[in-house]
Protein backbone atom coordinates (compact mmCIF):
# COMPACT_ATOMS: atom_id res chain seq x y z
CA UNK A 1 -50.04 -154.16 134.13
CA UNK A 2 -49.16 -152.33 137.34
CA UNK A 3 -47.61 -148.92 136.77
CA UNK A 4 -44.75 -149.59 139.18
CA UNK A 5 -43.85 -152.87 137.49
CA UNK A 6 -43.94 -151.55 133.95
CA UNK A 7 -40.93 -152.45 131.82
CA UNK A 8 -39.68 -150.02 129.22
CA UNK A 9 -40.77 -151.24 125.77
CA UNK A 10 -37.25 -151.42 124.39
CA UNK A 11 -36.32 -153.89 127.14
CA UNK A 12 -38.95 -156.47 126.19
CA UNK A 13 -38.29 -159.33 123.79
CA UNK A 14 -39.43 -158.55 120.25
CA UNK A 15 -41.95 -160.93 118.70
CA UNK A 16 -40.36 -162.32 115.54
CA UNK A 17 -43.32 -161.59 113.28
CA UNK A 18 -45.23 -158.58 111.95
CA UNK A 19 -46.86 -156.79 114.85
CA UNK A 20 -49.76 -154.35 114.68
CA UNK A 21 -50.54 -152.14 117.66
CA UNK A 22 -53.99 -150.66 117.09
CA UNK A 23 -53.98 -148.20 120.00
CA UNK A 24 -50.96 -145.90 120.27
CA UNK A 25 -51.51 -142.39 121.62
CA UNK A 26 -49.38 -139.63 120.19
CA UNK A 27 -48.92 -136.74 122.59
CA UNK A 28 -49.09 -133.01 122.03
CA UNK A 29 -47.38 -130.58 124.38
CA UNK A 30 -49.59 -127.55 123.91
CA UNK A 31 -52.40 -126.16 121.82
CA UNK A 32 -49.79 -123.73 120.51
CA UNK A 33 -48.25 -126.55 118.47
CA UNK A 34 -51.33 -126.30 116.25
CA UNK A 35 -51.09 -122.53 115.69
CA UNK A 36 -49.06 -122.77 112.44
CA UNK A 37 -51.73 -125.10 111.05
CA UNK A 38 -54.81 -123.32 112.44
CA UNK A 39 -56.84 -120.98 110.21
CA UNK A 40 -56.29 -117.38 111.26
CA UNK A 41 -59.97 -116.86 112.04
CA UNK A 42 -59.53 -119.15 115.06
CA UNK A 43 -56.38 -117.53 116.47
CA UNK A 44 -58.56 -115.34 118.66
CA UNK A 45 -59.12 -118.40 120.85
CA UNK A 46 -55.41 -118.96 121.43
CA UNK A 47 -55.38 -116.99 124.62
CA UNK A 48 -54.21 -117.79 128.12
CA UNK A 49 -57.59 -119.20 129.14
CA UNK A 50 -58.18 -121.41 126.10
CA UNK A 51 -54.67 -122.81 125.86
CA UNK A 52 -54.96 -124.16 129.39
CA UNK A 53 -58.32 -125.88 129.08
CA UNK A 54 -59.32 -126.56 125.44
CA UNK A 55 -59.86 -129.35 124.78
CA UNK A 56 -60.97 -129.82 128.37
CA UNK A 57 -58.94 -131.90 130.79
CA UNK A 58 -59.86 -135.26 132.28
CA UNK A 59 -62.31 -134.73 135.15
CA UNK A 60 -60.82 -137.39 137.44
CA UNK A 61 -57.64 -137.33 139.50
CA UNK A 62 -55.60 -140.40 138.57
CA UNK A 63 -53.65 -142.31 141.25
CA UNK A 64 -50.91 -143.25 138.76
CA UNK A 65 -50.89 -139.98 136.85
CA UNK A 66 -52.37 -141.53 133.72
CA UNK A 67 -49.05 -142.18 132.00
CA UNK A 68 -46.38 -144.80 132.60
CA UNK A 69 -44.08 -143.33 135.20
CA UNK A 70 -40.92 -144.26 133.29
CA UNK A 71 -42.05 -142.07 130.37
CA UNK A 72 -42.59 -138.90 132.41
CA UNK A 73 -39.73 -136.43 133.00
CA UNK A 74 -38.93 -133.77 135.56
CA UNK A 75 -39.90 -130.96 133.18
CA UNK A 76 -43.39 -132.50 132.96
CA UNK A 77 -42.84 -133.64 129.39
CA UNK A 78 -43.41 -137.26 128.42
CA UNK A 79 -41.95 -139.47 125.73
CA UNK A 80 -45.22 -139.78 123.81
CA UNK A 81 -44.86 -136.10 122.89
CA UNK A 82 -41.72 -136.81 120.84
CA UNK A 83 -42.18 -138.94 117.71
CA UNK A 84 -38.52 -139.97 117.65
CA UNK A 85 -38.78 -141.44 121.16
CA UNK A 86 -41.90 -143.42 120.27
CA UNK A 87 -40.11 -144.58 117.15
CA UNK A 88 -37.18 -145.77 119.24
CA UNK A 89 -39.16 -147.33 122.07
CA UNK A 90 -42.18 -148.88 120.37
CA UNK A 91 -41.31 -149.37 116.72
CA UNK A 92 -37.64 -150.30 116.97
CA UNK A 93 -37.59 -151.44 120.58
CA UNK A 94 -40.69 -153.63 120.66
CA UNK A 95 -40.85 -154.44 116.96
CA UNK A 96 -44.18 -152.81 116.11
CA UNK A 97 -44.48 -152.77 112.33
CA UNK A 98 -47.83 -150.93 112.21
CA UNK A 99 -48.60 -148.42 114.97
CA UNK A 100 -52.13 -147.04 114.67
CA UNK A 101 -52.00 -143.55 116.17
CA UNK A 102 -55.16 -142.44 117.94
CA UNK A 103 -54.84 -139.09 119.65
CA UNK A 104 -56.84 -138.53 122.82
CA UNK A 105 -56.68 -134.76 122.20
CA UNK A 106 -59.10 -135.01 119.21
CA UNK A 107 -61.60 -137.09 121.22
CA UNK A 108 -62.32 -134.08 123.41
CA UNK A 109 -62.96 -131.87 120.37
CA UNK A 110 -66.26 -133.66 119.80
CA UNK A 111 -67.42 -132.44 123.22
CA UNK A 112 -66.73 -128.78 122.55
CA UNK A 113 -69.88 -126.64 122.26
CA UNK A 114 -68.19 -124.38 119.66
CA UNK A 115 -68.42 -126.89 116.83
CA UNK A 116 -66.99 -124.73 114.06
CA UNK A 117 -63.92 -123.99 116.14
CA UNK A 118 -63.61 -127.69 116.96
CA UNK A 119 -63.68 -128.44 113.23
CA UNK A 120 -60.92 -125.88 112.71
CA UNK A 121 -58.84 -127.53 115.43
CA UNK A 122 -59.40 -130.93 113.82
CA UNK A 123 -58.08 -129.64 110.49
CA UNK A 124 -55.02 -128.17 112.17
CA UNK A 125 -54.44 -131.35 114.15
CA UNK A 126 -54.52 -133.54 111.05
CA UNK A 127 -51.97 -131.38 109.27
CA UNK A 128 -49.79 -131.37 112.40
CA UNK A 129 -50.08 -135.17 112.63
CA UNK A 130 -49.05 -135.64 109.02
CA UNK A 131 -46.05 -133.31 109.26
CA UNK A 132 -44.73 -134.49 112.61
CA UNK A 133 -45.62 -138.18 112.73
CA UNK A 134 -46.82 -139.80 109.51
CA UNK A 135 -44.10 -138.26 107.35
CA UNK A 136 -41.44 -139.35 109.84
CA UNK A 137 -41.96 -143.11 109.59
CA UNK A 138 -44.33 -145.13 107.43
CA UNK A 139 -44.87 -147.51 110.35
CA UNK A 140 -46.95 -144.76 111.96
CA UNK A 141 -50.56 -144.94 110.73
CA UNK A 142 -52.92 -142.05 111.38
CA UNK A 143 -56.51 -141.57 112.53
CA UNK A 144 -58.30 -138.54 111.13
CA UNK A 145 -59.51 -136.07 113.76
CA UNK A 146 -63.01 -134.70 113.17
CA UNK A 147 -65.60 -132.65 115.03
CA UNK A 148 -68.49 -135.12 115.16
CA UNK A 149 -70.92 -132.40 116.24
CA UNK A 150 -70.55 -131.05 112.69
CA UNK A 151 -70.99 -134.18 110.50
CA UNK A 152 -70.88 -132.31 107.18
CA UNK A 153 -67.67 -130.55 108.11
CA UNK A 154 -66.33 -133.86 109.42
CA UNK A 155 -67.06 -135.50 106.07
CA UNK A 156 -65.30 -132.67 104.23
CA UNK A 157 -62.25 -133.09 106.49
CA UNK A 158 -62.17 -136.84 105.88
CA UNK A 159 -62.25 -136.22 102.13
CA UNK A 160 -59.50 -133.62 102.44
CA UNK A 161 -56.87 -135.74 104.16
CA UNK A 162 -57.87 -139.32 103.36
CA UNK A 163 -55.55 -139.32 100.36
CA UNK A 164 -52.47 -139.38 102.58
CA UNK A 165 -51.19 -142.98 102.49
CA UNK A 166 -50.64 -143.01 106.25
CA UNK A 167 -54.28 -142.29 107.17
CA UNK A 168 -56.21 -145.49 107.86
CA UNK A 169 -59.26 -144.55 109.94
CA UNK A 170 -61.43 -141.84 111.49
CA UNK A 171 -60.97 -141.01 115.18
CA UNK A 172 -64.19 -140.81 117.24
CA UNK A 173 -64.99 -140.94 120.97
CA UNK A 174 -67.20 -143.86 121.97
CA UNK A 175 -69.18 -141.59 124.30
CA UNK A 176 -70.99 -139.25 121.94
CA UNK A 177 -71.98 -136.01 123.68
CA UNK A 178 -74.73 -135.41 121.12
CA UNK A 179 -76.89 -138.47 120.50
CA UNK A 180 -76.41 -142.23 120.07
CA UNK A 181 -74.11 -143.21 117.21
CA UNK A 182 -76.90 -145.08 115.44
CA UNK A 183 -78.72 -141.81 114.72
CA UNK A 184 -78.84 -140.77 111.07
CA UNK A 185 -77.31 -137.42 112.12
CA UNK A 186 -73.91 -139.13 111.76
CA UNK A 187 -74.50 -140.73 108.36
CA UNK A 188 -72.27 -138.20 106.52
CA UNK A 189 -69.32 -139.47 108.56
CA UNK A 190 -69.98 -143.11 107.69
CA UNK A 191 -70.45 -142.20 104.03
CA UNK A 192 -67.14 -140.33 103.93
CA UNK A 193 -65.29 -143.17 105.64
CA UNK A 194 -66.62 -145.70 103.14
CA UNK A 195 -65.98 -143.36 100.22
CA UNK A 196 -62.33 -143.20 101.22
CA UNK A 197 -61.95 -146.85 102.27
CA UNK A 198 -61.26 -145.89 105.90
CA UNK A 199 -62.20 -147.61 109.14
CA UNK A 200 -63.80 -145.99 112.19
CA UNK A 201 -61.81 -146.09 115.43
CA UNK A 202 -64.04 -145.61 118.49
CA UNK A 203 -61.98 -144.86 121.56
CA UNK A 204 -63.03 -144.51 125.17
CA UNK A 205 -63.40 -140.84 125.98
CA UNK A 206 -62.63 -139.85 129.59
CA UNK A 207 -65.39 -137.61 130.98
CA UNK A 208 -64.59 -133.91 131.02
CA UNK A 209 -67.82 -132.39 132.24
CA UNK A 210 -68.70 -131.10 128.76
CA UNK A 211 -70.28 -134.45 127.89
CA UNK A 212 -72.16 -134.71 131.17
CA UNK A 213 -71.98 -137.68 133.59
CA UNK A 214 -70.13 -140.67 132.13
CA UNK A 215 -72.84 -143.19 133.06
CA UNK A 216 -76.62 -143.06 133.33
CA UNK A 217 -76.63 -143.02 137.15
CA UNK A 218 -74.25 -140.07 137.39
CA UNK A 219 -70.64 -139.52 138.39
CA UNK A 220 -68.63 -142.43 139.89
CA UNK A 221 -66.82 -141.60 143.13
CA UNK A 222 -63.38 -142.94 142.15
CA UNK A 223 -61.24 -143.42 139.09
CA UNK A 224 -61.31 -147.18 139.72
CA UNK A 225 -65.10 -147.17 139.48
CA UNK A 226 -64.96 -145.06 136.32
CA UNK A 227 -62.45 -147.37 134.63
CA UNK A 228 -64.61 -150.36 135.51
CA UNK A 229 -67.70 -148.92 133.80
CA UNK A 230 -66.05 -147.93 130.51
CA UNK A 231 -67.48 -151.09 128.94
CA UNK A 232 -70.96 -149.62 129.39
CA UNK A 233 -70.16 -146.91 126.84
CA UNK A 234 -69.12 -149.48 124.29
CA UNK A 235 -72.13 -151.71 124.88
CA UNK A 236 -74.46 -148.75 124.34
CA UNK A 237 -72.59 -147.74 121.19
CA UNK A 238 -72.68 -151.21 119.68
CA UNK A 239 -76.37 -151.67 120.48
CA UNK A 240 -77.21 -148.29 118.92
CA UNK A 241 -75.26 -148.96 115.73
CA UNK A 242 -76.78 -152.42 115.30
CA UNK A 243 -80.39 -151.71 116.26
CA UNK A 244 -80.61 -148.59 114.10
CA UNK A 245 -79.49 -150.52 111.04
CA UNK A 246 -76.23 -148.65 110.43
CA UNK A 247 -74.46 -151.79 109.21
CA UNK A 248 -77.45 -152.78 107.10
CA UNK A 249 -77.50 -149.36 105.43
CA UNK A 250 -73.71 -149.19 105.18
CA UNK A 251 -72.55 -152.77 104.54
CA UNK A 252 -68.97 -151.64 103.89
CA UNK A 253 -68.58 -149.86 107.24
CA UNK A 254 -65.99 -151.37 109.58
CA UNK A 255 -65.32 -150.16 113.12
CA UNK A 256 -62.92 -151.01 115.93
CA UNK A 257 -63.62 -150.41 119.62
CA UNK A 258 -60.58 -149.42 121.66
CA UNK A 259 -60.01 -149.52 125.43
CA UNK A 260 -63.40 -151.00 126.16
CA UNK A 261 -62.36 -154.61 126.70
CA UNK A 262 -64.10 -157.58 125.12
CA UNK A 263 -65.34 -159.91 127.87
CA UNK A 264 -68.78 -158.28 127.62
CA UNK A 265 -69.22 -159.03 123.92
CA UNK A 266 -70.80 -162.52 124.12
CA UNK A 267 -73.45 -161.34 126.59
CA UNK A 268 -74.43 -158.39 124.38
CA UNK A 269 -74.61 -160.70 121.36
CA UNK A 270 -76.91 -163.10 123.21
CA UNK A 271 -79.13 -160.33 124.56
CA UNK A 272 -79.47 -158.65 121.17
CA UNK A 273 -80.24 -161.92 119.41
CA UNK A 274 -82.91 -162.89 121.91
CA UNK A 275 -84.47 -159.41 121.75
CA UNK A 276 -84.44 -159.53 117.96
CA UNK A 277 -86.21 -162.87 117.88
CA UNK A 278 -88.97 -161.48 120.12
CA UNK A 279 -89.17 -157.95 118.68
CA UNK A 280 -87.96 -158.16 115.09
CA UNK A 281 -91.20 -156.62 113.77
CA UNK A 282 -90.07 -153.38 115.45
CA UNK A 283 -86.80 -153.33 113.47
CA UNK A 284 -87.74 -154.75 110.04
CA UNK A 285 -84.58 -153.27 108.53
CA UNK A 286 -82.48 -155.87 110.35
CA UNK A 287 -82.34 -158.83 107.99
CA UNK A 288 -79.88 -160.90 110.08
CA UNK A 289 -79.21 -161.67 113.70
CA UNK A 290 -77.54 -158.74 115.51
CA UNK A 291 -74.59 -160.98 116.42
CA UNK A 292 -73.92 -161.49 112.72
CA UNK A 293 -73.58 -157.74 112.18
CA UNK A 294 -71.18 -157.53 115.11
CA UNK A 295 -68.94 -160.33 113.80
CA UNK A 296 -68.91 -158.90 110.28
CA UNK A 297 -68.42 -155.22 111.08
CA UNK A 298 -66.81 -154.75 114.50
CA UNK A 299 -63.36 -155.52 115.91
CA UNK A 300 -62.05 -155.05 119.44
CA UNK A 301 -58.69 -153.88 120.74
CA UNK A 302 -57.33 -156.20 123.40
CA UNK A 303 -56.25 -153.50 125.86
CA UNK A 304 -57.06 -153.48 128.72
CA UNK A 305 -56.76 -157.24 128.41
CA UNK A 306 -59.20 -159.02 130.71
CA UNK A 307 -57.34 -161.27 133.12
CA UNK A 308 -59.53 -164.08 134.51
CA UNK A 309 -58.15 -166.18 137.35
CA UNK A 310 -58.17 -169.13 134.96
CA UNK A 311 -56.41 -168.08 131.71
CA UNK A 312 -58.30 -170.83 129.87
CA UNK A 313 -61.40 -168.67 130.17
CA UNK A 314 -59.91 -166.33 127.56
CA UNK A 315 -60.20 -169.18 125.06
CA UNK A 316 -63.76 -169.77 126.24
CA UNK A 317 -64.56 -166.09 125.66
CA UNK A 318 -63.21 -166.16 122.12
CA UNK A 319 -65.21 -169.31 121.41
CA UNK A 320 -68.36 -167.66 122.76
CA UNK A 321 -67.73 -164.64 120.53
CA UNK A 322 -68.00 -167.06 117.62
CA UNK A 323 -64.88 -165.95 115.77
CA UNK A 324 -61.13 -165.74 116.25
CA UNK A 325 -60.99 -162.72 113.92
CA UNK A 326 -62.48 -160.13 116.29
CA UNK A 327 -59.50 -159.27 118.52
CA UNK A 328 -56.61 -157.00 117.53
CA UNK A 329 -53.65 -156.36 119.78
CA UNK A 330 -53.23 -152.97 121.48
CA UNK A 331 -50.63 -151.66 123.94
CA UNK A 332 -52.34 -148.36 124.87
CA UNK A 333 -48.89 -146.71 124.89
CA UNK A 334 -48.05 -144.50 126.84
CA UNK A 335 -50.70 -145.08 129.51
CA UNK A 336 -50.13 -146.55 132.94
CA UNK A 337 -51.80 -149.88 132.08
CA UNK A 338 -49.72 -150.46 128.93
CA UNK A 339 -49.86 -154.05 127.65
CA UNK A 340 -46.61 -155.59 126.46
CA UNK A 341 -47.10 -157.80 123.36
CA UNK A 342 -44.93 -160.57 124.80
CA UNK A 343 -46.44 -160.61 128.30
CA UNK A 344 -50.07 -159.61 127.80
CA UNK A 345 -51.39 -162.65 125.93
CA UNK A 346 -51.79 -165.85 127.99
CA UNK A 347 -49.20 -168.47 127.19
CA UNK A 348 -51.87 -171.12 126.64
CA UNK A 349 -53.16 -169.39 123.51
CA UNK A 350 -52.27 -171.47 120.43
CA UNK A 351 -49.55 -169.98 118.23
CA UNK A 352 -51.90 -169.50 115.28
CA UNK A 353 -54.38 -167.61 117.47
CA UNK A 354 -51.62 -165.37 118.86
CA UNK A 355 -50.51 -164.56 115.33
CA UNK A 356 -54.06 -163.63 114.41
CA UNK A 357 -54.37 -161.30 117.40
CA UNK A 358 -50.91 -159.78 117.02
CA UNK A 359 -50.99 -159.29 113.27
CA UNK A 360 -53.35 -161.07 110.89
CA UNK A 361 -56.65 -159.67 112.15
CA UNK A 362 -55.35 -156.10 111.87
CA UNK A 363 -53.80 -156.89 108.49
CA UNK A 364 -57.15 -158.06 107.16
CA UNK A 365 -59.17 -155.29 108.86
CA UNK A 366 -57.05 -152.41 107.58
CA UNK A 367 -55.89 -154.05 104.35
CA UNK A 368 -52.20 -153.89 105.21
CA UNK A 369 -49.72 -155.68 102.94
CA UNK A 370 -47.64 -158.40 104.51
CA UNK A 371 -44.24 -156.89 105.45
CA UNK A 372 -41.00 -158.78 104.97
CA UNK A 373 -40.30 -161.02 107.96
CA UNK A 374 -36.77 -159.67 108.18
CA UNK A 375 -38.12 -156.16 108.75
CA UNK A 376 -40.36 -157.37 111.56
CA UNK A 377 -37.60 -159.37 113.25
CA UNK A 378 -34.78 -156.83 113.01
C-alpha cells in the first residue's frame, strides 16, 4: 500500500472474526530504555557512541522514511514506540485479537561482533518487552530476542523466559551473518524452541554493513532493488534448513517466514523436489520430498502481499503451493507498506480461505484457543 494513501488503522472496518496479525513491530526509543534491565557489566557500553549506533542502523536511505507517515510526529517519535497507542490503533481499532510482536531491534543483535554483549542486550530486551508490552495486554504476543551468534546462550535465554504465557516464538533474522541456518551450529536454538513448545519467527533483516552485502552479487544501488531481492534471503534459508535435514532431525520444529513474500514458494518446491529425485543419494537423511517438509514445517506471512495484475493468480499460487494452510496474515505495522486486513486480501478469495489466512492458520500454528466472537467483533 502506498505510504501517502495509507489509512489509519482505527479508521478501517473491523473484520467480525478473530484476527491474528503475525508481524507487528514494537518500537523502542533508545538503547537507554534497556539500561534498567541490562546487567551492570554491560553498562560500560552505554556511552554516546554506542547509544547512537548499536544495534547498527539500516544501511539504505528510504524514500518514505520506513514508517507510515501518519504515525510519525514532529518530535521524531512514532506511535509504535508507545504500547498504548498500538493497543488503541491496532488491537481496538482494527480488531486484532492476537498481535505477534517481532522487534526489528533484536534482529540486528545477531549481527553484532561482540556476541556476549549482544546476549546481554537480548536478555534486557526480553525483560523490557514483558514489562512494557506483554503485561499490558494479553493480546500482545512476544518473540524472544536472542543472540544467534551464541547458540548456547541463546538456548539459555529461551529457557529463561519461555515460561511467560505471552511468549510464543523465538525472533531470528532470516539473513544469518554467521553461516546458513541449516548448519548444526544452531541446533541448540532449535532444541530449546522445541523444549519450550515455541515457534521460530524468521524476519527479513535489513542490511547494516555488519552482515556484509545483502545478496551474493554485492550491494544493490537503490532501496527498491533491495526490497525486491529480499525473497532471495528466504529462499536460501529454506533450502538450507531442508537440505541439511533440520526438519528430519527436529520433526517438531515449526517456523514462519515474515516479510519475504510467498509467490516464490512453488518454484523453490519444484526445484528442490527435482534436485532431490536426481541427487537423493547425496542427502540420504531426507526421507521425503523437500516440498513435504516445507508444507509440514513452514508458514509464510502474507506481507508484503504479492499483487498480480490478475487477482485470480493468487488462488493459482495457493493451489501450486499445495495447501491452504501455509499463509498467515500480517500487517507489518508500523511500516510504510502496511497491509490492512480488510483491503489487502483480494475480494475473490472464498470466505473460508480468508478466514484461514486471517485467523485459523495462525490459531493452529501457534496453538491459540478460539476467542469469543463477541470479543473479536467489539
